[in-house]
Amino acid sequence: MNTLDTEATATSFRIRHSTLDPAKAVMNQRHAAGEPILFPLNQGQTLRIVDLEGNQAADVLFFNRDDAAEHYSATDTMLHQGGIYLTTGSVIRSNDARPMLTIVADTCGRHDTLGGACAAESNTVRYALQKKYMHSCRDNYLLALQQADIGLGKRDLVPNINFFMNVPVTDEGGLKFDDGVSGPGKYVEMRAEMNLWVLISNCPQLNNPCNAYNPTPIQLLVWDPA
């Protein structure tokens, strides 16, 4: 295992509970299993994503709302923190290496940066030809962007974060999809460091254990700065 992987394992699972009161959230909504959503998040606001029933992957992308050419970058995020997993204290960075969000609370403890989003193509290659037309995160992203008409499209889709998803790195350097490390009510909470678009596909994948073969809802909460 290389240095990056060793450090990622050693520093994972930094659990921290939030002190924010859901009753004071300016947004508090249940988001259906398998569905996409796009919404704005202002600088200084805090976003919480809750895994309501456990073992549900939330595939997420972030874009700078003031300059959509700036977006989440898996490589910059991993290089600056020296590890492949996200948890409390991780800074989510853009392709300009600027902080986009900081994870300020996390009761799951580890989130994936490598597994990517399911798509018609990957469903076909990994599972079977007839799986091509199954609901996928990439299609979710495209539908949400098309409906929002904010100037973002297929060319803007980059490698995403998979919150609550468990993608271990094998000793040979490969990836595998394992049962999640999350559970009912676990959450991750992030403070926005710039004005953002938040694009989420509440993963509809039925063919591997990232959703326990049964996609379920998530909860989304947003708080204004104190």
Protein backbone atom coordinates (compact mmCIF):
# COMPACT_ATOMS: atom_id res chain seq x y z
CA MET A 1 0.00 0.00 0.00
CA ASN A 2 1.46 3.42 -0.89
CA THR A 3 1.95 6.40 1.44
CA LEU A 4 -1.27 8.12 0.38
CA ASP A 5 -3.31 4.98 1.08
CA THR A 6 -1.57 4.34 4.41
CA GLU A 7 -2.24 7.86 5.66
CA ALA A 8 -5.81 7.73 4.42
CA THR A 9 -6.44 4.60 6.47
CA ALA A 10 -4.66 5.92 9.53
CA THR A 11 -6.56 9.21 9.62
CA SER A 12 -10.04 7.96 8.75
CA PHE A 13 -13.12 7.80 10.99
CA ARG A 14 -12.80 11.17 12.76
CA ILE A 15 -16.24 11.25 14.37
CA ARG A 16 -17.65 14.60 15.50
CA HIS A 17 -21.25 15.41 16.39
CA SER A 18 -22.93 18.67 15.43
CA THR A 19 -24.40 21.23 17.82
CA LEU A 20 -26.80 22.67 15.21
CA ASP A 21 -30.52 22.50 15.94
CA PRO A 22 -32.67 21.09 13.09
CA ALA A 23 -35.52 23.33 14.24
CA LYS A 24 -33.43 26.36 13.22
CA ALA A 25 -32.53 25.09 9.75
CA VAL A 26 -33.58 27.30 6.83
CA MET A 27 -33.95 24.19 4.68
CA ASN A 28 -35.06 20.80 5.97
CA GLN A 29 -36.39 18.34 3.43
CA ARG A 30 -36.54 14.62 2.80
CA HIS A 31 -35.15 13.69 -0.61
CA ALA A 32 -36.52 10.61 -2.37
CA ALA A 33 -34.53 7.47 -3.10
CA GLY A 34 -32.84 7.39 -6.49
CA GLU A 35 -33.60 11.02 -7.40
CA PRO A 36 -31.46 14.09 -8.26
CA ILE A 37 -31.55 17.58 -6.79
CA LEU A 38 -29.73 20.85 -7.52
CA PHE A 39 -29.82 23.79 -5.11
CA PRO A 40 -27.78 26.87 -4.11
CA LEU A 41 -25.68 27.04 -0.95
CA ASN A 42 -24.35 30.40 0.18
CA GLN A 43 -20.91 31.09 1.59
CA GLY A 44 -21.01 30.55 5.35
CA GLN A 45 -24.07 28.31 5.28
CA THR A 46 -23.82 24.76 6.61
CA LEU A 47 -25.20 21.73 4.77
CA ARG A 48 -26.03 18.45 6.49
CA ILE A 49 -26.73 15.26 4.52
CA VAL A 50 -28.40 12.54 6.56
CA ASP A 51 -28.38 8.83 5.69
CA LEU A 52 -31.87 8.16 7.03
CA GLU A 53 -32.03 4.38 6.82
CA GLY A 54 -28.34 3.52 6.53
CA ASN A 55 -26.09 2.24 3.75
CA GLN A 56 -27.25 4.79 1.16
CA ALA A 57 -24.71 6.49 -1.12
CA ALA A 58 -25.19 10.18 -1.94
CA ASP A 59 -23.22 11.15 -5.07
CA VAL A 60 -22.42 14.87 -4.87
CA LEU A 61 -20.78 17.55 -7.04
CA PHE A 62 -20.09 21.18 -6.15
CA PHE A 63 -19.73 24.17 -8.49
CA ASN A 64 -18.73 27.76 -7.76
CA ARG A 65 -21.99 29.67 -8.26
CA ASP A 66 -20.10 32.83 -9.25
CA ASP A 67 -17.88 31.04 -11.78
CA ALA A 68 -19.18 27.62 -12.82
CA ALA A 69 -15.86 26.75 -14.49
CA GLU A 70 -14.57 26.22 -10.94
CA HIS A 71 -15.79 22.90 -9.56
CA TYR A 72 -14.97 20.16 -7.08
CA SER A 73 -11.66 18.46 -7.79
CA ALA A 74 -10.96 15.00 -6.40
CA THR A 75 -7.25 15.27 -7.19
CA ASP A 76 -6.72 18.66 -5.52
CA THR A 77 -8.74 17.57 -2.49
CA MET A 78 -6.75 14.36 -2.04
CA LEU A 79 -3.35 15.95 -2.67
CA HIS A 80 -3.87 18.77 -0.17
CA GLN A 81 -5.08 16.49 2.63
CA GLY A 82 -2.71 13.61 1.87
CA GLY A 83 -5.43 10.94 1.89
CA ILE A 84 -8.19 9.44 -0.21
CA TYR A 85 -11.09 9.48 2.28
CA LEU A 86 -13.08 12.45 3.59
CA THR A 87 -14.07 12.96 7.21
CA THR A 88 -14.20 15.66 9.91
CA GLY A 89 -11.67 18.38 9.11
CA SER A 90 -11.36 17.52 5.42
CA VAL A 91 -11.35 20.53 3.11
CA ILE A 92 -13.14 19.94 -0.19
CA ARG A 93 -11.17 21.81 -2.85
CA SER A 94 -11.80 23.07 -6.37
CA ASN A 95 -9.84 22.65 -9.60
CA ASP A 96 -8.21 25.98 -8.65
CA ALA A 97 -7.14 24.33 -5.35
CA ARG A 98 -9.34 26.73 -3.40
CA PRO A 99 -11.44 25.59 -0.42
CA MET A 100 -15.07 25.01 -1.42
CA LEU A 101 -16.35 23.43 1.80
CA THR A 102 -14.99 22.21 5.13
CA ILE A 103 -16.41 19.11 6.82
CA VAL A 104 -17.22 20.33 10.33
CA ALA A 105 -19.13 17.33 11.69
CA ASP A 106 -19.34 13.68 10.67
CA THR A 107 -20.96 10.75 12.45
CA CYS A 108 -20.25 8.27 9.64
CA GLY A 109 -16.51 8.90 9.64
CA ARG A 110 -15.36 8.08 6.11
CA HIS A 111 -16.52 9.03 2.62
CA ASP A 112 -15.31 7.96 -0.84
CA THR A 113 -13.54 10.09 -3.45
CA LEU A 114 -12.62 7.37 -5.96
CA GLY A 115 -15.66 5.23 -6.84
CA GLY A 116 -17.28 7.72 -9.21
CA ALA A 117 -20.90 7.84 -10.31
CA CYS A 118 -22.80 4.95 -11.85
CA ALA A 119 -23.75 5.43 -15.51
CA ALA A 120 -25.40 3.54 -18.34
CA GLU A 121 -21.94 2.59 -19.62
CA SER A 122 -20.60 1.34 -16.28
CA ASN A 123 -23.82 -0.56 -15.55
CA THR A 124 -23.38 -2.35 -18.88
CA VAL A 125 -19.67 -3.14 -18.40
CA ARG A 126 -19.89 -4.16 -14.75
CA TYR A 127 -23.17 -6.03 -14.69
CA ALA A 128 -25.01 -6.93 -17.91
CA LEU A 129 -26.06 -5.48 -21.25
CA GLN A 130 -29.69 -5.24 -20.14
CA LYS A 131 -28.64 -3.00 -17.23
CA LYS A 132 -27.75 -0.17 -19.63
CA TYR A 133 -31.09 1.59 -19.29
CA MET A 134 -31.34 1.38 -15.51
CA HIS A 135 -31.58 4.62 -13.55
CA SER A 136 -28.05 5.98 -12.90
CA CYS A 137 -26.33 8.88 -11.14
CA ARG A 138 -24.86 10.29 -14.33
CA ASP A 139 -28.30 10.43 -15.93
CA ASN A 140 -29.61 12.04 -12.73
CA TYR A 141 -26.97 14.75 -12.96
CA LEU A 142 -27.81 15.49 -16.58
CA LEU A 143 -31.55 15.65 -15.91
CA ALA A 144 -31.10 18.05 -12.98
CA LEU A 145 -28.78 20.34 -14.96
CA GLN A 146 -31.07 20.34 -17.99
CA GLN A 147 -34.10 21.25 -15.89
CA ALA A 148 -32.23 24.00 -14.02
CA ASP A 149 -30.82 25.58 -17.21
CA ILE A 150 -27.90 27.28 -15.41
CA GLY A 151 -25.35 26.84 -18.17
CA LEU A 152 -23.92 23.53 -16.96
CA GLY A 153 -24.10 20.29 -18.93
CA LYS A 154 -22.40 17.00 -19.80
CA ARG A 155 -18.93 18.50 -20.23
CA ASP A 156 -19.09 19.85 -16.66
CA LEU A 157 -19.53 16.45 -15.02
CA VAL A 158 -16.33 15.54 -13.19
CA PRO A 159 -15.42 12.80 -10.66
CA ASN A 160 -17.70 13.21 -7.65
CA ILE A 161 -17.79 12.56 -3.91
CA ASN A 162 -19.73 9.53 -2.70
CA PHE A 163 -20.87 10.37 0.80
CA PHE A 164 -21.53 7.30 3.00
CA MET A 165 -20.13 4.96 0.32
CA ASN A 166 -17.50 2.35 1.21
CA VAL A 167 -14.90 1.81 -1.54
CA PRO A 168 -11.81 0.17 -0.03
CA VAL A 169 -8.48 0.08 -1.87
CA THR A 170 -7.17 -3.47 -2.20
CA ASP A 171 -3.56 -4.49 -1.54
CA GLU A 172 -3.13 -4.73 -5.31
CA GLY A 173 -4.23 -1.11 -5.76
CA GLY A 174 -7.71 -1.84 -7.09
CA LEU A 175 -11.09 -0.68 -5.82
CA LYS A 176 -14.07 -2.68 -4.61
CA PHE A 177 -17.61 -1.79 -3.56
CA ASP A 178 -18.32 -3.06 -0.04
CA ASP A 179 -21.18 -2.81 2.41
CA GLY A 180 -21.40 0.72 3.77
CA VAL A 181 -19.84 1.90 7.01
CA SER A 182 -22.82 4.18 7.63
CA GLY A 183 -26.03 3.47 9.53
CA PRO A 184 -29.51 4.92 10.10
CA GLY A 185 -29.33 8.59 11.06
CA LYS A 186 -25.61 9.04 10.34
CA TYR A 187 -24.76 12.40 8.79
CA VAL A 188 -22.02 14.57 7.34
CA GLU A 189 -22.03 18.35 7.76
CA MET A 190 -20.13 20.91 5.65
CA ARG A 191 -19.60 24.66 5.84
CA ALA A 192 -19.55 26.41 2.45
CA GLU A 193 -16.43 28.52 1.85
CA MET A 194 -17.87 30.10 -1.31
CA ASN A 195 -21.25 30.45 -3.04
CA LEU A 196 -22.07 27.05 -4.49
CA TRP A 197 -24.34 24.95 -6.60
CA VAL A 198 -24.90 21.59 -4.90
CA LEU A 199 -25.74 18.75 -7.29
CA ILE A 200 -26.81 15.47 -5.66
CA SER A 201 -27.86 12.13 -7.06
CA ASN A 202 -29.33 10.03 -4.28
CA CYS A 203 -27.81 6.93 -5.83
CA PRO A 204 -30.30 4.55 -7.53
CA GLN A 205 -27.77 1.69 -7.94
CA LEU A 206 -29.32 -1.76 -7.43
CA ASN A 207 -26.42 -3.96 -8.57
CA ASN A 208 -23.81 -3.55 -5.84
CA PRO A 209 -23.88 -3.14 -2.04
CA CYS A 210 -23.33 0.65 -1.99
CA ASN A 211 -27.08 1.05 -1.31
CA ALA A 212 -27.61 -2.38 0.24
CA TYR A 213 -29.33 -3.23 -3.10
CA ASN A 214 -32.24 -1.06 -1.93
CA PRO A 215 -31.98 2.72 -2.45
CA THR A 216 -33.51 4.80 0.36
CA PRO A 217 -34.22 8.51 1.08
CA ILE A 218 -31.82 11.06 2.55
CA GLN A 219 -32.48 14.25 4.52
CA LEU A 220 -31.02 17.62 3.53
CA LEU A 221 -30.69 20.48 6.03
CA VAL A 222 -29.14 23.94 5.65
CA TRP A 223 -28.37 26.51 8.35
CA ASP A 224 -27.44 30.17 7.98
CA PRO A 225 -24.27 31.35 9.74
CA ALA A 226 -24.68 31.90 13.48
